[in-house]
PDB file of all heavy atoms in Angstrom:
ATOM      1  N   PHE A   1       0.850  -1.188   0.000  1.00  0.00           N
ATOM      2  CA  PHE A   1       0.000   0.000   0.000  1.00  0.00           C
ATOM      3  C   PHE A   1       0.884   1.235   0.000  1.00  0.00           C
ATOM      4  O   PHE A   1       1.731   1.417   0.876  1.00  0.00           O
ATOM      5  CB  PHE A   1      -0.911   0.005   1.224  1.00  0.00           C
ATOM      6  CG  PHE A   1      -1.970   1.088   1.201  1.00  0.00           C
ATOM      7  CD1 PHE A   1      -3.222   0.829   0.684  1.00  0.00           C
ATOM      8  CD2 PHE A   1      -1.690   2.357   1.686  1.00  0.00           C
ATOM      9  CE1 PHE A   1      -4.200   1.814   0.653  1.00  0.00           C
ATOM     10  CE2 PHE A   1      -2.652   3.353   1.652  1.00  0.00           C
ATOM     11  CZ  PHE A   1      -3.914   3.085   1.141  1.00  0.00           C
ATOM     12  N   GLY A   2       0.697   2.109  -0.997  1.00  0.00           N
ATOM     13  CA  GLY A   2       1.456   3.351  -1.094  1.00  0.00           C
ATOM     14  C   GLY A   2       0.678   4.508  -0.512  1.00  0.00           C
ATOM     15  O   GLY A   2      -0.475   4.734  -0.886  1.00  0.00           O
ATOM     16  N   PHE A   3       1.308   5.250   0.402  1.00  0.00           N
ATOM     17  CA  PHE A   3       0.662   6.374   1.081  1.00  0.00           C
ATOM     18  C   PHE A   3       1.306   7.650   0.569  1.00  0.00           C
ATOM     19  O   PHE A   3       2.481   7.914   0.828  1.00  0.00           O
ATOM     20  CB  PHE A   3       0.865   6.209   2.596  1.00  0.00           C
ATOM     21  CG  PHE A   3      -0.099   6.975   3.450  1.00  0.00           C
ATOM     22  CD1 PHE A   3      -1.433   7.059   3.131  1.00  0.00           C
ATOM     23  CD2 PHE A   3       0.343   7.593   4.614  1.00  0.00           C
ATOM     24  CE1 PHE A   3      -2.325   7.746   3.938  1.00  0.00           C
ATOM     25  CE2 PHE A   3      -0.531   8.282   5.427  1.00  0.00           C
ATOM     26  CZ  PHE A   3      -1.874   8.355   5.101  1.00  0.00           C
ATOM     27  N   LEU A   4       0.542   8.437  -0.172  1.00  0.00           N
ATOM     28  CA  LEU A   4       1.096   9.587  -0.883  1.00  0.00           C
ATOM     29  C   LEU A   4       0.540  10.894  -0.324  1.00  0.00           C
ATOM     30  O   LEU A   4      -0.545  10.925   0.249  1.00  0.00           O
ATOM     31  CB  LEU A   4       0.736   9.509  -2.374  1.00  0.00           C
ATOM     32  CG  LEU A   4       0.946   8.172  -3.072  1.00  0.00           C
ATOM     33  CD1 LEU A   4       0.499   8.267  -4.516  1.00  0.00           C
ATOM     34  CD2 LEU A   4       2.399   7.759  -2.993  1.00  0.00           C
ATOM     35  N   GLY A   5       1.304  11.965  -0.569  1.00  0.00           N
ATOM     36  CA  GLY A   5       0.844  13.279  -0.169  1.00  0.00           C
ATOM     37  C   GLY A   5       1.982  14.274  -0.211  1.00  0.00           C
ATOM     38  O   GLY A   5       3.148  13.902  -0.075  1.00  0.00           O
ATOM     39  N   PRO A   6       1.672  15.561  -0.391  1.00  0.00           N
ATOM     40  CA  PRO A   6       2.722  16.581  -0.375  1.00  0.00           C
ATOM     41  C   PRO A   6       3.313  16.742   1.018  1.00  0.00           C
ATOM     42  O   PRO A   6       2.789  16.186   2.003  1.00  0.00           O
ATOM     43  CB  PRO A   6       1.983  17.853  -0.815  1.00  0.00           C
ATOM     44  CG  PRO A   6       0.552  17.596  -0.462  1.00  0.00           C
ATOM     45  CD  PRO A   6       0.334  16.125  -0.615  1.00  0.00           C
ATOM     46  N   ASN A   7       4.400  17.499   1.132  1.00  0.00           N
ATOM     47  CA  ASN A   7       4.997  17.768   2.433  1.00  0.00           C
ATOM     48  C   ASN A   7       3.966  18.405   3.356  1.00  0.00           C
ATOM     49  O   ASN A   7       3.229  19.302   2.954  1.00  0.00           O
ATOM     50  CB  ASN A   7       6.198  18.709   2.291  1.00  0.00           C
ATOM     51  CG  ASN A   7       7.381  18.026   1.635  1.00  0.00           C
ATOM     52  OD1 ASN A   7       7.533  16.820   1.723  1.00  0.00           O
ATOM     53  ND2 ASN A   7       8.208  18.803   0.961  1.00  0.00           N
ATOM     54  N   GLY A   8       3.927  17.937   4.606  1.00  0.00           N
ATOM     55  CA  GLY A   8       3.000  18.500   5.586  1.00  0.00           C
ATOM     56  C   GLY A   8       1.592  17.964   5.486  1.00  0.00           C
ATOM     57  O   GLY A   8       0.687  18.468   6.162  1.00  0.00           O
ATOM     58  N   ALA A   9       1.377  16.922   4.663  1.00  0.00           N
ATOM     59  CA  ALA A   9       0.020  16.391   4.496  1.00  0.00           C
ATOM     60  C   ALA A   9      -0.454  15.589   5.700  1.00  0.00           C
ATOM     61  O   ALA A   9      -1.650  15.420   5.908  1.00  0.00           O
ATOM     62  CB  ALA A   9      -0.039  15.509   3.248  1.00  0.00           C
ATOM     63  N   GLY A  10       0.496  15.058   6.507  1.00  0.00           N
ATOM     64  CA  GLY A  10       0.125  14.249   7.666  1.00  0.00           C
ATOM     65  C   GLY A  10       0.521  12.791   7.554  1.00  0.00           C
ATOM     66  O   GLY A  10       0.123  11.966   8.381  1.00  0.00           O
ATOM     67  N   LYS A  11       1.337  12.458   6.551  1.00  0.00           N
ATOM     68  CA  LYS A  11       1.724  11.056   6.350  1.00  0.00           C
ATOM     69  C   LYS A  11       2.535  10.515   7.526  1.00  0.00           C
ATOM     70  O   LYS A  11       2.232   9.441   8.070  1.00  0.00           O
ATOM     71  CB  LYS A  11       2.541  10.906   5.053  1.00  0.00           C
ATOM     72  CG  LYS A  11       1.837  11.391   3.798  1.00  0.00           C
ATOM     73  CD  LYS A  11       2.610  11.053   2.543  1.00  0.00           C
ATOM     74  CE  LYS A  11       4.019  11.639   2.521  1.00  0.00           C
ATOM     75  NZ  LYS A  11       4.029  13.122   2.579  1.00  0.00           N
ATOM     76  N   THR A  12       3.583  11.247   7.904  1.00  0.00           N
ATOM     77  CA  THR A  12       4.438  10.777   9.001  1.00  0.00           C
ATOM     78  C   THR A  12       3.657  10.713  10.306  1.00  0.00           C
ATOM     79  O   THR A  12       3.834   9.778  11.112  1.00  0.00           O
ATOM     80  CB  THR A  12       5.670  11.700   9.148  1.00  0.00           C
ATOM     81  OG1 THR A  12       6.487  11.561   7.979  1.00  0.00           O
ATOM     82  CG2 THR A  12       6.497  11.328  10.369  1.00  0.00           C
ATOM     83  N   THR A  13       2.775  11.680  10.547  1.00  0.00           N
ATOM     84  CA  THR A  13       1.933  11.649  11.745  1.00  0.00           C
ATOM     85  C   THR A  13       1.093  10.376  11.769  1.00  0.00           C
ATOM     86  O   THR A  13       0.973   9.715  12.813  1.00  0.00           O
ATOM     87  CB  THR A  13       1.019  12.887  11.782  1.00  0.00           C
ATOM     88  OG1 THR A  13       1.819  14.067  11.901  1.00  0.00           O
ATOM     89  CG2 THR A  13       0.059  12.821  12.958  1.00  0.00           C
ATOM     90  N   THR A  14       0.515  10.022  10.629  1.00  0.00           N
ATOM     91  CA  THR A  14      -0.295   8.798  10.546  1.00  0.00           C
ATOM     92  C   THR A  14       0.528   7.571  10.908  1.00  0.00           C
ATOM     93  O   THR A  14       0.103   6.725  11.710  1.00  0.00           O
ATOM     94  CB  THR A  14      -0.866   8.630   9.125  1.00  0.00           C
ATOM     95  OG1 THR A  14      -1.644   9.774   8.786  1.00  0.00           O
ATOM     96  CG2 THR A  14      -1.734   7.382   9.038  1.00  0.00           C
ATOM     97  N   LEU A  15       1.729   7.462  10.319  1.00  0.00           N
ATOM     98  CA  LEU A  15       2.570   6.292  10.585  1.00  0.00           C
ATOM     99  C   LEU A  15       2.977   6.223  12.052  1.00  0.00           C
ATOM    100  O   LEU A  15       3.030   5.144  12.641  1.00  0.00           O
ATOM    101  CB  LEU A  15       3.804   6.313   9.681  1.00  0.00           C
ATOM    102  CG  LEU A  15       3.556   6.331   8.171  1.00  0.00           C
ATOM    103  CD1 LEU A  15       4.848   6.082   7.409  1.00  0.00           C
ATOM    104  CD2 LEU A  15       2.509   5.314   7.763  1.00  0.00           C
ATOM    105  N   LYS A  16       3.274   7.380  12.647  1.00  0.00           N
ATOM    106  CA  LYS A  16       3.647   7.400  14.066  1.00  0.00           C
ATOM    107  C   LYS A  16       2.489   6.957  14.949  1.00  0.00           C
ATOM    108  O   LYS A  16       2.691   6.284  15.964  1.00  0.00           O
ATOM    109  CB  LYS A  16       4.111   8.797  14.462  1.00  0.00           C
ATOM    110  CG  LYS A  16       5.501   9.157  13.954  1.00  0.00           C
ATOM    111  CD  LYS A  16       5.923  10.545  14.419  1.00  0.00           C
ATOM    112  CE  LYS A  16       7.343  10.864  13.979  1.00  0.00           C
ATOM    113  NZ  LYS A  16       7.762  12.227  14.407  1.00  0.00           N
ATOM    114  N   ILE A  17       1.274   7.315  14.573  1.00  0.00           N
ATOM    115  CA  ILE A  17       0.103   6.859  15.329  1.00  0.00           C
ATOM    116  C   ILE A  17      -0.057   5.346  15.217  1.00  0.00           C
ATOM    117  O   ILE A  17      -0.343   4.655  16.194  1.00  0.00           O
ATOM    118  CB  ILE A  17      -1.165   7.590  14.846  1.00  0.00           C
ATOM    119  CG1 ILE A  17      -1.129   9.061  15.272  1.00  0.00           C
ATOM    120  CG2 ILE A  17      -2.426   6.917  15.392  1.00  0.00           C
ATOM    121  CD1 ILE A  17      -2.254   9.897  14.701  1.00  0.00           C
ATOM    122  N   LEU A  18       0.157   4.813  14.013  1.00  0.00           N
ATOM    123  CA  LEU A  18       0.011   3.372  13.795  1.00  0.00           C
ATOM    124  C   LEU A  18       0.958   2.564  14.668  1.00  0.00           C
ATOM    125  O   LEU A  18       0.595   1.503  15.174  1.00  0.00           O
ATOM    126  CB  LEU A  18       0.251   3.021  12.319  1.00  0.00           C
ATOM    127  CG  LEU A  18      -0.724   3.583  11.289  1.00  0.00           C
ATOM    128  CD1 LEU A  18      -0.372   3.072   9.894  1.00  0.00           C
ATOM    129  CD2 LEU A  18      -2.159   3.233  11.630  1.00  0.00           C
ATOM    130  N   VAL A  19       2.189   3.056  14.847  1.00  0.00           N
ATOM    131  CA  VAL A  19       3.181   2.285  15.600  1.00  0.00           C
ATOM    132  C   VAL A  19       3.241   2.697  17.070  1.00  0.00           C
ATOM    133  O   VAL A  19       4.075   2.199  17.815  1.00  0.00           O
ATOM    134  CB  VAL A  19       4.586   2.396  14.959  1.00  0.00           C
ATOM    135  CG1 VAL A  19       4.559   1.858  13.547  1.00  0.00           C
ATOM    136  CG2 VAL A  19       5.102   3.827  14.971  1.00  0.00           C
ATOM    137  N   GLY A  20       2.367   3.612  17.486  1.00  0.00           N
ATOM    138  CA  GLY A  20       2.297   3.971  18.903  1.00  0.00           C
ATOM    139  C   GLY A  20       3.255   5.041  19.363  1.00  0.00           C
ATOM    140  O   GLY A  20       3.417   5.246  20.575  1.00  0.00           O
ATOM    141  N   LEU A  21       3.901   5.745  18.444  1.00  0.00           N
ATOM    142  CA  LEU A  21       4.816   6.824  18.836  1.00  0.00           C
ATOM    143  C   LEU A  21       4.091   8.156  19.028  1.00  0.00           C
ATOM    144  O   LEU A  21       4.685   9.128  19.488  1.00  0.00           O
ATOM    145  CB  LEU A  21       5.906   7.003  17.768  1.00  0.00           C
ATOM    146  CG  LEU A  21       6.876   5.832  17.599  1.00  0.00           C
ATOM    147  CD1 LEU A  21       7.837   6.105  16.454  1.00  0.00           C
ATOM    148  CD2 LEU A  21       7.641   5.574  18.891  1.00  0.00           C
ATOM    149  N   CYS A  22       2.820   8.181  18.668  1.00  0.00           N
ATOM    150  CA  CYS A  22       2.037   9.412  18.741  1.00  0.00           C
ATOM    151  C   CYS A  22       0.589   9.011  19.013  1.00  0.00           C
ATOM    152  O   CYS A  22       0.121   8.008  18.483  1.00  0.00           O
ATOM    153  CB  CYS A  22       2.182  10.162  17.415  1.00  0.00           C
ATOM    154  SG  CYS A  22       1.315  11.717  17.323  1.00  0.00           S
ATOM    155  N   LYS A  23      -0.122   9.777  19.826  1.00  0.00           N
ATOM    156  CA  LYS A  23      -1.514   9.471  20.142  1.00  0.00           C
ATOM    157  C   LYS A  23      -2.454  10.415  19.395  1.00  0.00           C
ATOM    158  O   LYS A  23      -2.208  11.616  19.337  1.00  0.00           O
ATOM    159  CB  LYS A  23      -1.761   9.600  21.646  1.00  0.00           C
ATOM    160  CG  LYS A  23      -1.096   8.511  22.476  1.00  0.00           C
ATOM    161  CD  LYS A  23      -1.478   8.649  23.933  1.00  0.00           C
ATOM    162  CE  LYS A  23      -0.842   7.538  24.767  1.00  0.00           C
ATOM    163  NZ  LYS A  23      -1.202   7.658  26.203  1.00  0.00           N
ATOM    164  N   PRO A  24      -3.540   9.878  18.850  1.00  0.00           N
ATOM    165  CA  PRO A  24      -4.510  10.762  18.180  1.00  0.00           C
ATOM    166  C   PRO A  24      -5.348  11.521  19.206  1.00  0.00           C
ATOM    167  O   PRO A  24      -5.517  11.058  20.345  1.00  0.00           O
ATOM    168  CB  PRO A  24      -5.371   9.784  17.380  1.00  0.00           C
ATOM    169  CG  PRO A  24      -5.320   8.513  18.176  1.00  0.00           C
ATOM    170  CD  PRO A  24      -3.939   8.458  18.783  1.00  0.00           C
ATOM    171  N   ASN A  25      -5.881  12.653  18.803  1.00  0.00           N
ATOM    172  CA  ASN A  25      -6.814  13.370  19.661  1.00  0.00           C
ATOM    173  C   ASN A  25      -8.181  12.700  19.677  1.00  0.00           C
ATOM    174  O   ASN A  25      -8.941  12.824  20.639  1.00  0.00           O
ATOM    175  CB  ASN A  25      -6.976  14.820  19.189  1.00  0.00           C
ATOM    176  CG  ASN A  25      -5.689  15.610  19.330  1.00  0.00           C
ATOM    177  OD1 ASN A  25      -4.912  15.684  18.400  1.00  0.00           O
ATOM    178  ND2 ASN A  25      -5.444  16.190  20.494  1.00  0.00           N
ATOM    179  N   GLN A  26      -8.466  11.987  18.583  1.00  0.00           N
ATOM    180  CA  GLN A  26      -9.762  11.317  18.466  1.00  0.00           C
ATOM    181  C   GLN A  26      -9.618  10.182  17.462  1.00  0.00           C
ATOM    182  O   GLN A  26      -8.822  10.250  16.539  1.00  0.00           O
ATOM    183  CB  GLN A  26     -10.818  12.314  17.985  1.00  0.00           C
ATOM    184  CG  GLN A  26     -12.218  11.760  17.893  1.00  0.00           C
ATOM    185  CD  GLN A  26     -13.197  12.814  17.392  1.00  0.00           C
ATOM    186  OE1 GLN A  26     -13.053  13.998  17.699  1.00  0.00           O
ATOM    187  NE2 GLN A  26     -14.181  12.403  16.608  1.00  0.00           N
ATOM    188  N   GLY A  27     -10.390   9.117  17.668  1.00  0.00           N
ATOM    189  CA  GLY A  27     -10.377   8.013  16.724  1.00  0.00           C
ATOM    190  C   GLY A  27      -9.639   6.793  17.261  1.00  0.00           C
ATOM    191  O   GLY A  27      -8.990   6.847  18.310  1.00  0.00           O
ATOM    192  N   ARG A  28      -9.745   5.700  16.495  1.00  0.00           N
ATOM    193  CA  ARG A  28      -9.129   4.435  16.905  1.00  0.00           C
ATOM    194  C   ARG A  28      -8.374   3.794  15.751  1.00  0.00           C
ATOM    195  O   ARG A  28      -8.643   4.072  14.585  1.00  0.00           O
ATOM    196  CB  ARG A  28     -10.203   3.468  17.423  1.00  0.00           C
ATOM    197  CG  ARG A  28     -10.890   3.931  18.694  1.00  0.00           C
ATOM    198  CD  ARG A  28     -11.859   2.890  19.227  1.00  0.00           C
ATOM    199  NE  ARG A  28     -12.998   2.711  18.336  1.00  0.00           N
ATOM    200  CZ  ARG A  28     -13.990   1.830  18.558  1.00  0.00           C
ATOM    201  NH1 ARG A  28     -13.952   1.060  19.636  1.00  0.00           N
ATOM    202  NH2 ARG A  28     -14.987   1.727  17.715  1.00  0.00           N
ATOM    203  N   VAL A  29      -7.435   2.927  16.123  1.00  0.00           N
ATOM    204  CA  VAL A  29      -6.614   2.211  15.142  1.00  0.00           C
ATOM    205  C   VAL A  29      -6.607   0.733  15.494  1.00  0.00           C
ATOM    206  O   VAL A  29      -6.459   0.376  16.672  1.00  0.00           O
ATOM    207  CB  VAL A  29      -5.162   2.736  15.131  1.00  0.00           C
ATOM    208  CG1 VAL A  29      -4.297   1.907  14.188  1.00  0.00           C
ATOM    209  CG2 VAL A  29      -5.116   4.206  14.749  1.00  0.00           C
ATOM    210  N   TRP A  30      -6.765  -0.118  14.474  1.00  0.00           N
ATOM    211  CA  TRP A  30      -6.652  -1.564  14.660  1.00  0.00           C
ATOM    212  C   TRP A  30      -5.484  -2.087  13.839  1.00  0.00           C
ATOM    213  O   TRP A  30      -5.266  -1.660  12.708  1.00  0.00           O
ATOM    214  CB  TRP A  30      -7.920  -2.278  14.189  1.00  0.00           C
ATOM    215  CG  TRP A  30      -9.096  -2.130  15.092  1.00  0.00           C
ATOM    216  CD1 TRP A  30      -9.499  -2.954  16.098  1.00  0.00           C
ATOM    217  CD2 TRP A  30     -10.076  -1.072  15.052  1.00  0.00           C
ATOM    218  NE1 TRP A  30     -10.641  -2.490  16.688  1.00  0.00           N
ATOM    219  CE2 TRP A  30     -11.021  -1.338  16.072  1.00  0.00           C
ATOM    220  CE3 TRP A  30     -10.225   0.066  14.260  1.00  0.00           C
ATOM    221  CZ2 TRP A  30     -12.103  -0.505  16.310  1.00  0.00           C
ATOM    222  CZ3 TRP A  30     -11.302   0.900  14.493  1.00  0.00           C
ATOM    223  CH2 TRP A  30     -12.226   0.622  15.500  1.00  0.00           C
ATOM    224  N   ILE A  31      -4.736  -3.007  14.423  1.00  0.00           N
ATOM    225  CA  ILE A  31      -3.681  -3.739  13.727  1.00  0.00           C
ATOM    226  C   ILE A  31      -4.063  -5.215  13.752  1.00  0.00           C
ATOM    227  O   ILE A  31      -4.113  -5.821  14.828  1.00  0.00           O
ATOM    228  CB  ILE A  31      -2.300  -3.539  14.395  1.00  0.00           C
ATOM    229  CG1 ILE A  31      -1.939  -2.058  14.505  1.00  0.00           C
ATOM    230  CG2 ILE A  31      -1.227  -4.322  13.647  1.00  0.00           C
ATOM    231  CD1 ILE A  31      -1.736  -1.351  13.176  1.00  0.00           C
TER     232      ILE A  31
END
């Protein structure tokens, strides 16, 4: 799965949330 977006789009934030390095303000994640 390719995750695309311009700089500052939120890609790295998303990945950090997935691996537990960052917590979302709202919402849930399943692995």
